[in-house]
Amino acid sequence: MSNKLLPVPRRELIRRLGKLGFVGPFPGAGHEYMSRGLLEVRIPNPHGSDISTALLQKILKRAGISREEWFDTD
């Protein structure tokens, strides 16, 4: 398996974050979010497009998720 991040659909992001202990998504002011303890991560709404690798990297960094953890949820 490659350790290269690839674009993912929004549903896939939500599914994997759920496997990593996040709950939600919950409605927010501008975007939905998922939470784990006190940590909240906004979930983008790309309107039918996949979430880009650049944005996915930012989300994973904000959530404190390593690449290994991300790939283990596949």
Protein backbone atom coordinates (compact mmCIF):
# COMPACT_ATOMS: atom_id res chain seq x y z
CA MET A 1 0.00 0.00 0.00
CA SER A 2 1.22 3.47 -0.90
CA ASN A 3 1.64 6.19 1.71
CA LYS A 4 0.52 8.80 -0.79
CA LEU A 5 -2.57 10.77 0.16
CA LEU A 6 -5.24 10.83 -2.52
CA PRO A 7 -8.36 12.98 -2.88
CA VAL A 8 -11.32 11.50 -0.99
CA PRO A 9 -15.08 11.98 -1.18
CA ARG A 10 -16.69 13.77 1.78
CA ARG A 11 -18.48 10.59 2.90
CA GLU A 12 -15.16 8.72 3.02
CA LEU A 13 -13.61 11.46 5.17
CA ILE A 14 -16.54 11.26 7.60
CA ARG A 15 -16.39 7.45 7.69
CA ARG A 16 -12.67 7.37 8.43
CA LEU A 17 -12.83 10.11 11.06
CA GLY A 18 -15.60 8.10 12.72
CA LYS A 19 -13.32 5.06 12.85
CA LEU A 20 -10.69 7.26 14.51
CA GLY A 21 -13.04 8.21 17.34
CA PHE A 22 -14.66 11.37 16.03
CA VAL A 23 -18.43 11.81 16.37
CA GLY A 24 -20.76 13.78 14.14
CA PRO A 25 -21.00 15.53 11.81
CA PHE A 26 -22.85 18.28 13.64
CA PRO A 27 -24.19 21.50 12.12
CA GLY A 28 -21.93 24.51 12.59
CA ALA A 29 -22.04 28.19 11.70
CA GLY A 30 -20.62 27.75 8.20
CA HIS A 31 -19.61 24.10 7.92
CA GLU A 32 -20.45 20.89 9.68
CA TYR A 33 -17.88 19.61 12.15
CA MET A 34 -16.87 16.41 13.90
CA SER A 35 -15.48 16.23 17.41
CA ARG A 36 -13.33 14.01 19.59
CA GLY A 37 -13.19 15.27 23.15
CA LEU A 38 -12.58 19.02 23.02
CA LEU A 39 -11.14 18.89 19.50
CA GLU A 40 -13.41 20.02 16.66
CA VAL A 41 -12.60 19.55 12.97
CA ARG A 42 -14.58 21.30 10.24
CA ILE A 43 -15.88 19.11 7.45
CA PRO A 44 -15.75 20.79 4.03
CA ASN A 45 -18.59 20.53 1.56
CA PRO A 46 -16.92 20.33 -1.87
CA HIS A 47 -20.28 20.20 -3.72
CA GLY A 48 -19.83 16.88 -5.47
CA SER A 49 -16.06 17.06 -5.85
CA ASP A 50 -13.51 15.10 -3.86
CA ILE A 51 -11.62 16.76 -1.02
CA SER A 52 -8.19 17.67 -2.37
CA THR A 53 -5.00 16.22 -0.93
CA ALA A 54 -3.88 19.69 0.22
CA LEU A 55 -7.10 20.21 2.20
CA LEU A 56 -7.00 16.63 3.49
CA GLN A 57 -3.46 17.24 4.83
CA LYS A 58 -4.69 20.34 6.68
CA ILE A 59 -7.64 18.44 8.16
CA LEU A 60 -5.43 15.56 9.32
CA LYS A 61 -2.91 17.95 10.86
CA ARG A 62 -5.67 19.86 12.70
CA ALA A 63 -7.12 16.55 13.93
CA GLY A 64 -3.73 15.24 15.08
CA ILE A 65 -3.99 12.20 12.79
CA SER A 66 -0.81 10.70 11.35
CA ARG A 67 -0.62 9.25 7.86
CA GLU A 68 -0.22 5.78 9.37
CA GLU A 69 -3.42 6.19 11.37
CA TRP A 70 -5.22 7.49 8.27
CA PHE A 71 -4.13 4.55 6.12
CA ASP A 72 -4.95 2.04 8.89
CA THR A 73 -8.62 3.11 8.70
CA ASP A 74 -8.95 2.03 5.07
